[in-house]
Amino acid sequence: MNTDKIYAEAIVNEYSKKSASKVVALRKLDRKAKLPAQIFTYCFGIVSALVVGTGMCLSMGVIGPGGALFTAAGIVLGIIGFAGVAANYPLYKRILQNSKEKYAGDIISLASEIAGEEN
């Protein structure tokens, strides 16, 4: 086995121009369809978790002067945060479904072209 030849071919493949294949285009379309839902879910989940944490800190007196008013405000803020955390997954599913419907025609046509070439 000639390892120099294998190494040279690997270097040539690394520096040669790559033609964009249909499979790569299909992956990019799939990623483009899923990315908005993922970005929203991560951002909304982080903000909701921070709201829960702030509510907990207020209710336990870690931040603020304490007292019944801040405890009640912390509890309300915590409930709002928990509602956001609970709503995060259904919102993700709805955004993902809408995004998939938007790109479905392009993805299906490109996938059928790829499947037709392989046969």
PDB file of N, CA and C in Angstrom:
ATOM      1  N   MET A   1       0.849  -1.182   0.000  1.00  0.00           N
ATOM      2  CA  MET A   1       0.000   0.000   0.000  1.00  0.00           C
ATOM      3  C   MET A   1       0.890   1.239   0.000  1.00  0.00           C
ATOM      4  N   ASN A   2       0.617   2.121  -0.902  1.00  0.00           N
ATOM      5  CA  ASN A   2       1.419   3.321  -1.042  1.00  0.00           C
ATOM      6  C   ASN A   2       0.765   4.452  -0.248  1.00  0.00           C
ATOM      7  N   THR A   3       1.304   4.733   0.929  1.00  0.00           N
ATOM      8  CA  THR A   3       0.711   5.762   1.788  1.00  0.00           C
ATOM      9  C   THR A   3       0.955   7.167   1.246  1.00  0.00           C
ATOM     10  N   ASP A   4       2.049   7.344   0.508  1.00  0.00           N
ATOM     11  CA  ASP A   4       2.313   8.661  -0.081  1.00  0.00           C
ATOM     12  C   ASP A   4       1.230   9.031  -1.090  1.00  0.00           C
ATOM     13  N   LYS A   5       0.796   8.058  -1.859  1.00  0.00           N
ATOM     14  CA  LYS A   5      -0.236   8.309  -2.856  1.00  0.00           C
ATOM     15  C   LYS A   5      -1.568   8.655  -2.186  1.00  0.00           C
ATOM     16  N   ILE A   6      -1.918   7.943  -1.123  1.00  0.00           N
ATOM     17  CA  ILE A   6      -3.155   8.206  -0.390  1.00  0.00           C
ATOM     18  C   ILE A   6      -3.104   9.600   0.224  1.00  0.00           C
ATOM     19  N   TYR A   7      -1.947   9.956   0.789  1.00  0.00           N
ATOM     20  CA  TYR A   7      -1.788  11.277   1.394  1.00  0.00           C
ATOM     21  C   TYR A   7      -1.911  12.374   0.343  1.00  0.00           C
ATOM     22  N   ALA A   8      -1.299  12.160  -0.816  1.00  0.00           N
ATOM     23  CA  ALA A   8      -1.358  13.145  -1.893  1.00  0.00           C
ATOM     24  C   ALA A   8      -2.787  13.321  -2.391  1.00  0.00           C
ATOM     25  N   GLU A   9      -3.544  12.229  -2.504  1.00  0.00           N
ATOM     26  CA  GLU A   9      -4.935  12.321  -2.934  1.00  0.00           C
ATOM     27  C   GLU A   9      -5.790  13.066  -1.908  1.00  0.00           C
ATOM     28  N   ALA A  10      -5.501  12.866  -0.636  1.00  0.00           N
ATOM     29  CA  ALA A  10      -6.235  13.567   0.414  1.00  0.00           C
ATOM     30  C   ALA A  10      -5.971  15.068   0.346  1.00  0.00           C
ATOM     31  N   ILE A  11      -4.735  15.438   0.099  1.00  0.00           N
ATOM     32  CA  ILE A  11      -4.390  16.862  -0.031  1.00  0.00           C
ATOM     33  C   ILE A  11      -5.059  17.469  -1.257  1.00  0.00           C
ATOM     34  N   VAL A  12      -5.047  16.746  -2.371  1.00  0.00           N
ATOM     35  CA  VAL A  12      -5.682  17.238  -3.596  1.00  0.00           C
ATOM     36  C   VAL A  12      -7.179  17.421  -3.375  1.00  0.00           C
ATOM     37  N   ASN A  13      -7.823  16.474  -2.707  1.00  0.00           N
ATOM     38  CA  ASN A  13      -9.257  16.584  -2.432  1.00  0.00           C
ATOM     39  C   ASN A  13      -9.568  17.777  -1.529  1.00  0.00           C
ATOM     40  N   GLU A  14      -8.649  18.080  -0.627  1.00  0.00           N
ATOM     41  CA  GLU A  14      -8.859  19.196   0.284  1.00  0.00           C
ATOM     42  C   GLU A  14      -8.828  20.538  -0.446  1.00  0.00           C
ATOM     43  N   TYR A  15      -7.955  20.657  -1.446  1.00  0.00           N
ATOM     44  CA  TYR A  15      -7.779  21.935  -2.130  1.00  0.00           C
ATOM     45  C   TYR A  15      -8.545  22.056  -3.445  1.00  0.00           C
ATOM     46  N   SER A  16      -9.134  20.999  -3.921  1.00  0.00           N
ATOM     47  CA  SER A  16      -9.861  21.071  -5.182  1.00  0.00           C
ATOM     48  C   SER A  16     -11.233  21.703  -4.966  1.00  0.00           C
ATOM     49  N   LYS A  17     -11.785  22.274  -6.041  1.00  0.00           N
ATOM     50  CA  LYS A  17     -13.106  22.885  -5.951  1.00  0.00           C
ATOM     51  C   LYS A  17     -14.155  21.809  -5.743  1.00  0.00           C
ATOM     52  N   LYS A  18     -15.074  22.124  -4.873  1.00  0.00           N
ATOM     53  CA  LYS A  18     -16.142  21.178  -4.582  1.00  0.00           C
ATOM     54  C   LYS A  18     -17.403  21.648  -5.309  1.00  0.00           C
ATOM     55  N   SER A  19     -18.047  20.726  -5.966  1.00  0.00           N
ATOM     56  CA  SER A  19     -19.314  21.057  -6.597  1.00  0.00           C
ATOM     57  C   SER A  19     -20.433  20.803  -5.590  1.00  0.00           C
ATOM     58  N   ALA A  20     -21.341  21.727  -5.518  1.00  0.00           N
ATOM     59  CA  ALA A  20     -22.445  21.601  -4.572  1.00  0.00           C
ATOM     60  C   ALA A  20     -23.393  20.500  -5.043  1.00  0.00           C
ATOM     61  N   SER A  21     -23.506  19.478  -4.259  1.00  0.00           N
ATOM     62  CA  SER A  21     -24.385  18.380  -4.637  1.00  0.00           C
ATOM     63  C   SER A  21     -25.802  18.650  -4.149  1.00  0.00           C
ATOM     64  N   LYS A  22     -26.720  17.880  -4.645  1.00  0.00           N
ATOM     65  CA  LYS A  22     -28.120  18.051  -4.267  1.00  0.00           C
ATOM     66  C   LYS A  22     -28.364  17.625  -2.830  1.00  0.00           C
ATOM     67  N   VAL A  23     -27.573  16.676  -2.347  1.00  0.00           N
ATOM     68  CA  VAL A  23     -27.730  16.235  -0.963  1.00  0.00           C
ATOM     69  C   VAL A  23     -27.336  17.355  -0.006  1.00  0.00           C
ATOM     70  N   VAL A  24     -26.261  18.075  -0.349  1.00  0.00           N
ATOM     71  CA  VAL A  24     -25.838  19.203   0.482  1.00  0.00           C
ATOM     72  C   VAL A  24     -26.911  20.289   0.470  1.00  0.00           C
ATOM     73  N   ALA A  25     -27.490  20.540  -0.697  1.00  0.00           N
ATOM     74  CA  ALA A  25     -28.558  21.527  -0.794  1.00  0.00           C
ATOM     75  C   ALA A  25     -29.785  21.094   0.023  1.00  0.00           C
ATOM     76  N   LEU A  26     -30.064  19.794   0.021  1.00  0.00           N
ATOM     77  CA  LEU A  26     -31.186  19.280   0.808  1.00  0.00           C
ATOM     78  C   LEU A  26     -30.927  19.458   2.303  1.00  0.00           C
ATOM     79  N   ARG A  27     -29.708  19.191   2.745  1.00  0.00           N
ATOM     80  CA  ARG A  27     -29.357  19.397   4.150  1.00  0.00           C
ATOM     81  C   ARG A  27     -29.480  20.863   4.543  1.00  0.00           C
ATOM     82  N   LYS A  28     -29.038  21.752   3.653  1.00  0.00           N
ATOM     83  CA  LYS A  28     -29.133  23.182   3.946  1.00  0.00           C
ATOM     84  C   LYS A  28     -30.585  23.631   4.048  1.00  0.00           C
ATOM     85  N   LEU A  29     -31.433  23.135   3.162  1.00  0.00           N
ATOM     86  CA  LEU A  29     -32.861  23.469   3.237  1.00  0.00           C
ATOM     87  C   LEU A  29     -33.494  22.950   4.525  1.00  0.00           C
ATOM     88  N   ASP A  30     -33.112  21.737   4.922  1.00  0.00           N
ATOM     89  CA  ASP A  30     -33.633  21.164   6.163  1.00  0.00           C
ATOM     90  C   ASP A  30     -33.200  21.995   7.363  1.00  0.00           C
ATOM     91  N   ARG A  31     -31.941  22.389   7.376  1.00  0.00           N
ATOM     92  CA  ARG A  31     -31.421  23.219   8.458  1.00  0.00           C
ATOM     93  C   ARG A  31     -32.110  24.586   8.466  1.00  0.00           C
ATOM     94  N   LYS A  32     -32.347  25.129   7.279  1.00  0.00           N
ATOM     95  CA  LYS A  32     -33.006  26.430   7.155  1.00  0.00           C
ATOM     96  C   LYS A  32     -34.441  26.364   7.658  1.00  0.00           C
ATOM     97  N   ALA A  33     -35.086  25.232   7.497  1.00  0.00           N
ATOM     98  CA  ALA A  33     -36.456  25.066   7.967  1.00  0.00           C
ATOM     99  C   ALA A  33     -36.515  24.926   9.488  1.00  0.00           C
ATOM    100  N   LYS A  34     -35.520  24.309  10.089  1.00  0.00           N
ATOM    101  CA  LYS A  34     -35.553  24.042  11.529  1.00  0.00           C
ATOM    102  C   LYS A  34     -34.917  25.137  12.383  1.00  0.00           C
ATOM    103  N   LEU A  35     -34.050  25.955  11.793  1.00  0.00           N
ATOM    104  CA  LEU A  35     -33.287  26.926  12.574  1.00  0.00           C
ATOM    105  C   LEU A  35     -34.135  27.979  13.282  1.00  0.00           C
ATOM    106  N   PRO A  36     -35.138  28.590  12.655  1.00  0.00           N
ATOM    107  CA  PRO A  36     -35.909  29.613  13.382  1.00  0.00           C
ATOM    108  C   PRO A  36     -36.587  29.074  14.641  1.00  0.00           C
ATOM    109  N   ALA A  37     -37.112  27.879  14.561  1.00  0.00           N
ATOM    110  CA  ALA A  37     -37.765  27.291  15.737  1.00  0.00           C
ATOM    111  C   ALA A  37     -36.756  27.026  16.844  1.00  0.00           C
ATOM    112  N   GLN A  38     -35.576  26.562  16.485  1.00  0.00           N
ATOM    113  CA  GLN A  38     -34.558  26.278  17.495  1.00  0.00           C
ATOM    114  C   GLN A  38     -34.063  27.558  18.160  1.00  0.00           C
ATOM    115  N   ILE A  39     -33.830  28.583  17.368  1.00  0.00           N
ATOM    116  CA  ILE A  39     -33.350  29.845  17.939  1.00  0.00           C
ATOM    117  C   ILE A  39     -34.391  30.424  18.893  1.00  0.00           C
ATOM    118  N   PHE A  40     -35.655  30.442  18.462  1.00  0.00           N
ATOM    119  CA  PHE A  40     -36.705  30.964  19.334  1.00  0.00           C
ATOM    120  C   PHE A  40     -36.797  30.155  20.622  1.00  0.00           C
ATOM    121  N   THR A  41     -36.751  28.836  20.511  1.00  0.00           N
ATOM    122  CA  THR A  41     -36.907  27.984  21.684  1.00  0.00           C
ATOM    123  C   THR A  41     -35.797  28.206  22.695  1.00  0.00           C
ATOM    124  N   TYR A  42     -34.559  28.274  22.227  1.00  0.00           N
ATOM    125  CA  TYR A  42     -33.453  28.513  23.154  1.00  0.00           C
ATOM    126  C   TYR A  42     -33.573  29.873  23.822  1.00  0.00           C
ATOM    127  N   CYS A  43     -33.847  30.910  23.053  1.00  0.00           N
ATOM    128  CA  CYS A  43     -33.943  32.257  23.624  1.00  0.00           C
ATOM    129  C   CYS A  43     -35.113  32.370  24.596  1.00  0.00           C
ATOM    130  N   PHE A  44     -36.280  31.884  24.199  1.00  0.00           N
ATOM    131  CA  PHE A  44     -37.454  31.965  25.060  1.00  0.00           C
ATOM    132  C   PHE A  44     -37.270  31.117  26.318  1.00  0.00           C
ATOM    133  N   GLY A  45     -36.647  29.961  26.195  1.00  0.00           N
ATOM    134  CA  GLY A  45     -36.403  29.115  27.358  1.00  0.00           C
ATOM    135  C   GLY A  45     -35.436  29.748  28.343  1.00  0.00           C
ATOM    136  N   ILE A  46     -34.394  30.385  27.823  1.00  0.00           N
ATOM    137  CA  ILE A  46     -33.430  31.054  28.702  1.00  0.00           C
ATOM    138  C   ILE A  46     -34.091  32.211  29.436  1.00  0.00           C
ATOM    139  N   VAL A  47     -34.854  33.024  28.703  1.00  0.00           N
ATOM    140  CA  VAL A  47     -35.528  34.156  29.333  1.00  0.00           C
ATOM    141  C   VAL A  47     -36.533  33.669  30.376  1.00  0.00           C
ATOM    142  N   SER A  48     -37.275  32.630  30.070  1.00  0.00           N
ATOM    143  CA  SER A  48     -38.249  32.099  31.029  1.00  0.00           C
ATOM    144  C   SER A  48     -37.561  31.566  32.280  1.00  0.00           C
ATOM    145  N   ALA A  49     -36.448  30.882  32.103  1.00  0.00           N
ATOM    146  CA  ALA A  49     -35.712  30.362  33.265  1.00  0.00           C
ATOM    147  C   ALA A  49     -35.155  31.507  34.113  1.00  0.00           C
ATOM    148  N   LEU A  50     -34.717  32.571  33.471  1.00  0.00           N
ATOM    149  CA  LEU A  50     -34.236  33.727  34.231  1.00  0.00           C
ATOM    150  C   LEU A  50     -35.370  34.403  34.996  1.00  0.00           C
ATOM    151  N   VAL A  51     -36.556  34.450  34.415  1.00  0.00           N
ATOM    152  CA  VAL A  51     -37.714  35.020  35.107  1.00  0.00           C
ATOM    153  C   VAL A  51     -38.067  34.163  36.323  1.00  0.00           C
ATOM    154  N   VAL A  52     -38.011  32.843  36.161  1.00  0.00           N
ATOM    155  CA  VAL A  52     -38.269  31.944  37.299  1.00  0.00           C
ATOM    156  C   VAL A  52     -37.242  32.187  38.398  1.00  0.00           C
ATOM    157  N   GLY A  53     -35.990  32.274  38.027  1.00  0.00           N
ATOM    158  CA  GLY A  53     -34.933  32.502  39.016  1.00  0.00           C
ATOM    159  C   GLY A  53     -35.077  33.837  39.726  1.00  0.00           C
ATOM    160  N   THR A  54     -35.439  34.869  38.993  1.00  0.00           N
ATOM    161  CA  THR A  54     -35.646  36.172  39.611  1.00  0.00           C
ATOM    162  C   THR A  54     -36.824  36.126  40.574  1.00  0.00           C
ATOM    163  N   GLY A  55     -37.882  35.457  40.182  1.00  0.00           N
ATOM    164  CA  GLY A  55     -39.035  35.311  41.079  1.00  0.00           C
ATOM    165  C   GLY A  55     -38.673  34.556  42.343  1.00  0.00           C
ATOM    166  N   MET A  56     -37.854  33.515  42.202  1.00  0.00           N
ATOM    167  CA  MET A  56     -37.441  32.757  43.385  1.00  0.00           C
ATOM    168  C   MET A  56     -36.579  33.609  44.303  1.00  0.00           C
ATOM    169  N   CYS A  57     -35.672  34.383  43.704  1.00  0.00           N
ATOM    170  CA  CYS A  57     -34.809  35.242  44.521  1.00  0.00           C
ATOM    171  C   CYS A  57     -35.622  36.308  45.251  1.00  0.00           C
ATOM    172  N   LEU A  58     -36.609  36.880  44.575  1.00  0.00           N
ATOM    173  CA  LEU A  58     -37.465  37.879  45.230  1.00  0.00           C
ATOM    174  C   LEU A  58     -38.274  37.255  46.361  1.00  0.00           C
ATOM    175  N   SER A  59     -38.816  36.083  46.131  1.00  0.00           N
ATOM    176  CA  SER A  59     -39.671  35.472  47.150  1.00  0.00           C
ATOM    177  C   SER A  59     -38.876  34.993  48.365  1.00  0.00           C
ATOM    178  N   MET A  60     -37.617  34.652  48.176  1.00  0.00           N
ATOM    179  CA  MET A  60     -36.799  34.199  49.302  1.00  0.00           C
ATOM    180  C   MET A  60     -36.018  35.333  49.961  1.00  0.00           C
ATOM    181  N   GLY A  61     -36.106  36.527  49.401  1.00  0.00           N
ATOM    182  CA  GLY A  61     -35.437  37.668  50.006  1.00  0.00           C
ATOM    183  C   GLY A  61     -33.968  37.794  49.658  1.00  0.00           C
ATOM    184  N   VAL A  62     -33.510  37.086  48.647  1.00  0.00           N
ATOM    185  CA  VAL A  62     -32.108  37.186  48.239  1.00  0.00           C
ATOM    186  C   VAL A  62     -31.858  38.543  47.590  1.00  0.00           C
ATOM    187  N   ILE A  63     -32.798  38.985  46.773  1.00  0.00           N
ATOM    188  CA  ILE A  63     -32.724  40.334  46.218  1.00  0.00           C
ATOM    189  C   ILE A  63     -33.948  41.106  46.704  1.00  0.00           C
ATOM    190  N   GLY A  64     -33.791  42.384  46.857  1.00  0.00           N
ATOM    191  CA  GLY A  64     -34.880  43.200  47.380  1.00  0.00           C
ATOM    192  C   GLY A  64     -34.852  43.211  48.906  1.00  0.00           C
ATOM    193  N   PRO A  65     -35.598  44.124  49.488  1.00  0.00           N
ATOM    194  CA  PRO A  65     -35.567  44.242  50.957  1.00  0.00           C
ATOM    195  C   PRO A  65     -36.356  43.160  51.683  1.00  0.00           C
ATOM    196  N   GLY A  66     -37.085  42.335  50.972  1.00  0.00           N
ATOM    197  CA  GLY A  66     -37.883  41.283  51.616  1.00  0.00           C
ATOM    198  C   GLY A  66     -39.266  41.799  51.954  1.00  0.00           C
ATOM    199  N   GLY A  67     -39.955  41.102  52.777  1.00  0.00           N
ATOM    200  CA  GLY A  67     -41.300  41.516  53.163  1.00  0.00           C
ATOM    201  C   GLY A  67     -42.349  40.810  52.329  1.00  0.00           C
ATOM    202  N   ALA A  68     -43.588  41.020  52.721  1.00  0.00           N
ATOM    203  CA  ALA A  68     -44.710  40.324  52.092  1.00  0.00           C
ATOM    204  C   ALA A  68     -44.916  40.776  50.649  1.00  0.00           C
ATOM    205  N   LEU A  69     -44.674  42.062  50.374  1.00  0.00           N
ATOM    206  CA  LEU A  69     -44.885  42.577  49.026  1.00  0.00           C
ATOM    207  C   LEU A  69     -43.901  41.948  48.036  1.00  0.00           C
ATOM    208  N   PHE A  70     -42.640  41.871  48.409  1.00  0.00           N
ATOM    209  CA  PHE A  70     -41.644  41.292  47.512  1.00  0.00           C
ATOM    210  C   PHE A  70     -41.804  39.778  47.396  1.00  0.00           C
ATOM    211  N   THR A  71     -42.249  39.126  48.460  1.00  0.00           N
ATOM    212  CA  THR A  71     -42.521  37.693  48.389  1.00  0.00           C
ATOM    213  C   THR A  71     -43.659  37.411  47.424  1.00  0.00           C
ATOM    214  N   ALA A  72     -44.731  38.203  47.514  1.00  0.00           N
ATOM    215  CA  ALA A  72     -45.862  38.018  46.611  1.00  0.00           C
ATOM    216  C   ALA A  72     -45.461  38.315  45.162  1.00  0.00           C
ATOM    217  N   ALA A  73     -44.663  39.382  44.970  1.00  0.00           N
ATOM    218  CA  ALA A  73     -44.202  39.721  43.614  1.00  0.00           C
ATOM    219  C   ALA A  73     -43.305  38.610  43.069  1.00  0.00           C
ATOM    220  N   GLY A  74     -42.486  38.032  43.921  1.00  0.00           N
ATOM    221  CA  GLY A  74     -41.620  36.932  43.493  1.00  0.00           C
ATOM    222  C   GLY A  74     -42.411  35.704  43.102  1.00  0.00           C
ATOM    223  N   ILE A  75     -43.449  35.416  43.854  1.00  0.00           N
ATOM    224  CA  ILE A  75     -44.292  34.258  43.529  1.00  0.00           C
ATOM    225  C   ILE A  75     -44.995  34.465  42.193  1.00  0.00           C
ATOM    226  N   VAL A  76     -45.527  35.661  41.985  1.00  0.00           N
ATOM    227  CA  VAL A  76     -46.199  35.962  40.718  1.00  0.00           C
ATOM    228  C   VAL A  76     -45.213  35.884  39.562  1.00  0.00           C
ATOM    229  N   LEU A  77     -44.035  36.457  39.760  1.00  0.00           N
ATOM    230  CA  LEU A  77     -43.015  36.416  38.710  1.00  0.00           C
ATOM    231  C   LEU A  77     -42.569  34.981  38.425  1.00  0.00           C
ATOM    232  N   GLY A  78     -42.452  34.167  39.465  1.00  0.00           N
ATOM    233  CA  GLY A  78     -42.098  32.761  39.277  1.00  0.00           C
ATOM    234  C   GLY A  78     -43.161  31.997  38.505  1.00  0.00           C
ATOM    235  N   ILE A  79     -44.419  32.268  38.796  1.00  0.00           N
ATOM    236  CA  ILE A  79     -45.514  31.607  38.072  1.00  0.00           C
ATOM    237  C   ILE A  79     -45.501  32.003  36.601  1.00  0.00           C
ATOM    238  N   ILE A  80     -45.230  33.277  36.333  1.00  0.00           N
ATOM    239  CA  ILE A  80     -45.131  33.733  34.940  1.00  0.00           C
ATOM    240  C   ILE A  80     -43.975  33.014  34.232  1.00  0.00           C
ATOM    241  N   GLY A  81     -42.855  32.878  34.925  1.00  0.00           N
ATOM    242  CA  GLY A  81     -41.709  32.167  34.346  1.00  0.00           C
ATOM    243  C   GLY A  81     -42.011  30.702  34.084  1.00  0.00           C
ATOM    244  N   PHE A  82     -42.684  30.055  35.031  1.00  0.00           N
ATOM    245  CA  PHE A  82     -43.050  28.648  34.834  1.00  0.00           C
ATOM    246  C   PHE A  82     -44.033  28.492  33.683  1.00  0.00           C
ATOM    247  N   ALA A  83     -44.929  29.451  33.509  1.00  0.00           N
ATOM    248  CA  ALA A  83     -45.856  29.404  32.376  1.00  0.00           C
ATOM    249  C   ALA A  83     -45.086  29.517  31.059  1.00  0.00           C
ATOM    250  N   GLY A  84     -44.061  30.374  31.040  1.00  0.00           N
ATOM    251  CA  GLY A  84     -43.227  30.491  29.841  1.00  0.00           C
ATOM    252  C   GLY A  84     -42.472  29.212  29.541  1.00  0.00           C
ATOM    253  N   VAL A  85     -41.944  28.589  30.589  1.00  0.00           N
ATOM    254  CA  VAL A  85     -41.222  27.325  30.405  1.00  0.00           C
ATOM    255  C   VAL A  85     -42.179  26.246  29.905  1.00  0.00           C
ATOM    256  N   ALA A  86     -43.387  26.212  30.449  1.00  0.00           N
ATOM    257  CA  ALA A  86     -44.369  25.206  30.030  1.00  0.00           C
ATOM    258  C   ALA A  86     -44.843  25.447  28.599  1.00  0.00           C
ATOM    259  N   ALA A  87     -44.914  26.690  28.175  1.00  0.00           N
ATOM    260  CA  ALA A  87     -45.391  27.006  26.823  1.00  0.00           C
ATOM    261  C   ALA A  87     -44.291  26.876  25.773  1.00  0.00           C
ATOM    262  N   ASN A  88     -43.061  26.711  26.196  1.00  0.00           N
ATOM    263  CA  ASN A  88     -41.940  26.710  25.263  1.00  0.00           C
ATOM    264  C   ASN A  88     -42.029  25.569  24.245  1.00  0.00           C
ATOM    265  N   TYR A  89     -42.272  24.363  24.685  1.00  0.00           N
ATOM    266  CA  TYR A  89     -42.311  23.232  23.754  1.00  0.00           C
ATOM    267  C   TYR A  89     -43.477  23.302  22.774  1.00  0.00           C
ATOM    268  N   PRO A  90     -44.705  23.610  23.226  1.00  0.00           N
ATOM    269  CA  PRO A  90     -45.778  23.758  22.227  1.00  0.00           C
ATOM    270  C   PRO A  90     -45.507  24.874  21.220  1.00  0.00           C
ATOM    271  N   LEU A  91     -44.901  25.965  21.667  1.00  0.00           N
ATOM    272  CA  LEU A  91     -44.539  27.032  20.737  1.00  0.00           C
ATOM    273  C   LEU A  91     -43.495  26.554  19.733  1.00  0.00           C
ATOM    274  N   TYR A  92     -42.541  25.777  20.223  1.00  0.00           N
ATOM    275  CA  TYR A  92     -41.512  25.220  19.331  1.00  0.00           C
ATOM    276  C   TYR A  92     -42.141  24.338  18.261  1.00  0.00           C
ATOM    277  N   LYS A  93     -43.044  23.468  18.676  1.00  0.00           N
ATOM    278  CA  LYS A  93     -43.692  22.574  17.719  1.00  0.00           C
ATOM    279  C   LYS A  93     -44.483  23.360  16.672  1.00  0.00           C
ATOM    280  N   ARG A  94     -45.181  24.401  17.091  1.00  0.00           N
ATOM    281  CA  ARG A  94     -45.978  25.195  16.157  1.00  0.00           C
ATOM    282  C   ARG A  94     -45.083  25.961  15.176  1.00  0.00           C
ATOM    283  N   ILE A  95     -44.011  26.570  15.670  1.00  0.00           N
ATOM    284  CA  ILE A  95     -43.093  27.306  14.785  1.00  0.00           C
ATOM    285  C   ILE A  95     -42.420  26.339  13.821  1.00  0.00           C
ATOM    286  N   LEU A  96     -42.019  25.177  14.310  1.00  0.00           N
ATOM    287  CA  LEU A  96     -41.385  24.183  13.454  1.00  0.00           C
ATOM    288  C   LEU A  96     -42.344  23.687  12.382  1.00  0.00           C
ATOM    289  N   GLN A  97     -43.586  23.455  12.741  1.00  0.00           N
ATOM    290  CA  GLN A  97     -44.578  22.995  11.774  1.00  0.00           C
ATOM    291  C   GLN A  97     -44.806  24.046  10.684  1.00  0.00           C
ATOM    292  N   ASN A  98     -44.929  25.308  11.081  1.00  0.00           N
ATOM    293  CA  ASN A  98     -45.123  26.375  10.100  1.00  0.00           C
ATOM    294  C   ASN A  98     -43.920  26.510   9.180  1.00  0.00           C
ATOM    295  N   SER A  99     -42.733  26.379   9.740  1.00  0.00           N
ATOM    296  CA  SER A  99     -41.522  26.493   8.937  1.00  0.00           C
ATOM    297  C   SER A  99     -41.375  25.305   7.987  1.00  0.00           C
ATOM    298  N   LYS A 100     -41.740  24.118   8.456  1.00  0.00           N
ATOM    299  CA  LYS A 100     -41.691  22.944   7.581  1.00  0.00           C
ATOM    300  C   LYS A 100     -42.687  23.067   6.439  1.00  0.00           C
ATOM    301  N   GLU A 101     -43.871  23.601   6.728  1.00  0.00           N
ATOM    302  CA  GLU A 101     -44.856  23.808   5.669  1.00  0.00           C
ATOM    303  C   GLU A 101     -44.356  24.803   4.634  1.00  0.00           C
ATOM    304  N   LYS A 102     -43.598  25.784   5.087  1.00  0.00           N
ATOM    305  CA  LYS A 102     -43.077  26.808   4.189  1.00  0.00           C
ATOM    306  C   LYS A 102     -42.068  26.225   3.195  1.00  0.00           C
ATOM    307  N   TYR A 103     -41.215  25.321   3.672  1.00  0.00           N
ATOM    308  CA  TYR A 103     -40.161  24.755   2.834  1.00  0.00           C
ATOM    309  C   TYR A 103     -40.486  23.356   2.307  1.00  0.00           C
ATOM    310  N   ALA A 104     -41.654  22.842   2.582  1.00  0.00           N
ATOM    311  CA  ALA A 104     -41.992  21.465   2.226  1.00  0.00           C
ATOM    312  C   ALA A 104     -41.907  21.209   0.733  1.00  0.00           C
ATOM    313  N   GLY A 105     -42.413  22.116  -0.073  1.00  0.00           N
ATOM    314  CA  GLY A 105     -42.407  21.913  -1.522  1.00  0.00           C
ATOM    315  C   GLY A 105     -41.005  21.795  -2.088  1.00  0.00           C
ATOM    316  N   ASP A 106     -40.123  22.689  -1.671  1.00  0.00           N
ATOM    317  CA  ASP A 106     -38.746  22.651  -2.151  1.00  0.00           C
ATOM    318  C   ASP A 106     -38.030  21.385  -1.688  1.00  0.00           C
ATOM    319  N   ILE A 107     -38.218  21.027  -0.421  1.00  0.00           N
ATOM    320  CA  ILE A 107     -37.527  19.858   0.128  1.00  0.00           C
ATOM    321  C   ILE A 107     -38.030  18.579  -0.542  1.00  0.00           C
ATOM    322  N   ILE A 108     -39.336  18.463  -0.732  1.00  0.00           N
ATOM    323  CA  ILE A 108     -39.887  17.253  -1.344  1.00  0.00           C
ATOM    324  C   ILE A 108     -39.438  17.130  -2.793  1.00  0.00           C
ATOM    325  N   SER A 109     -39.447  18.229  -3.539  1.00  0.00           N
ATOM    326  CA  SER A 109     -39.027  18.149  -4.942  1.00  0.00           C
ATOM    327  C   SER A 109     -37.551  17.798  -5.067  1.00  0.00           C
ATOM    328  N   LEU A 110     -36.727  18.385  -4.198  1.00  0.00           N
ATOM    329  CA  LEU A 110     -35.290  18.082  -4.249  1.00  0.00           C
ATOM    330  C   LEU A 110     -35.030  16.642  -3.801  1.00  0.00           C
ATOM    331  N   ALA A 111     -35.737  16.176  -2.780  1.00  0.00           N
ATOM    332  CA  ALA A 111     -35.566  14.793  -2.333  1.00  0.00           C
ATOM    333  C   ALA A 111     -36.031  13.801  -3.392  1.00  0.00           C
ATOM    334  N   SER A 112     -37.092  14.113  -4.104  1.00  0.00           N
ATOM    335  CA  SER A 112     -37.548  13.203  -5.163  1.00  0.00           C
ATOM    336  C   SER A 112     -36.574  13.206  -6.328  1.00  0.00           C
ATOM    337  N   GLU A 113     -35.929  14.340  -6.609  1.00  0.00           N
ATOM    338  CA  GLU A 113     -34.893  14.369  -7.645  1.00  0.00           C
ATOM    339  C   GLU A 113     -33.714  13.469  -7.262  1.00  0.00           C
ATOM    340  N   ILE A 114     -33.313  13.554  -5.996  1.00  0.00           N
ATOM    341  CA  ILE A 114     -32.189  12.741  -5.515  1.00  0.00           C
ATOM    342  C   ILE A 114     -32.571  11.269  -5.570  1.00  0.00           C
ATOM    343  N   ALA A 115     -33.779  10.930  -5.136  1.00  0.00           N
ATOM    344  CA  ALA A 115     -34.221   9.533  -5.156  1.00  0.00           C
ATOM    345  C   ALA A 115     -34.359   9.024  -6.576  1.00  0.00           C
ATOM    346  N   GLY A 116     -34.749   9.892  -7.508  1.00  0.00           N
ATOM    347  CA  GLY A 116     -34.883   9.499  -8.901  1.00  0.00           C
ATOM    348  C   GLY A 116     -33.542   9.244  -9.556  1.00  0.00           C
ATOM    349  N   GLU A 117     -32.501   9.967  -9.129  1.00  0.00           N
ATOM    350  CA  GLU A 117     -31.162   9.771  -9.683  1.00  0.00           C
ATOM    351  C   GLU A 117     -30.554   8.459  -9.234  1.00  0.00           C
ATOM    352  N   GLU A 118     -30.878   8.032  -7.998  1.00  0.00           N
ATOM    353  CA  GLU A 118     -30.263   6.822  -7.461  1.00  0.00           C
ATOM    354  C   GLU A 118     -30.836   5.574  -8.089  1.00  0.00           C
ATOM    355  N   ASN A 119     -32.047   5.628  -8.615  1.00  0.00           N
ATOM    356  CA  ASN A 119     -32.668   4.430  -9.193  1.00  0.00           C
ATOM    357  C   ASN A 119     -32.153   4.126 -10.563  1.00  0.00           C
TER     358      ASN A 119
END
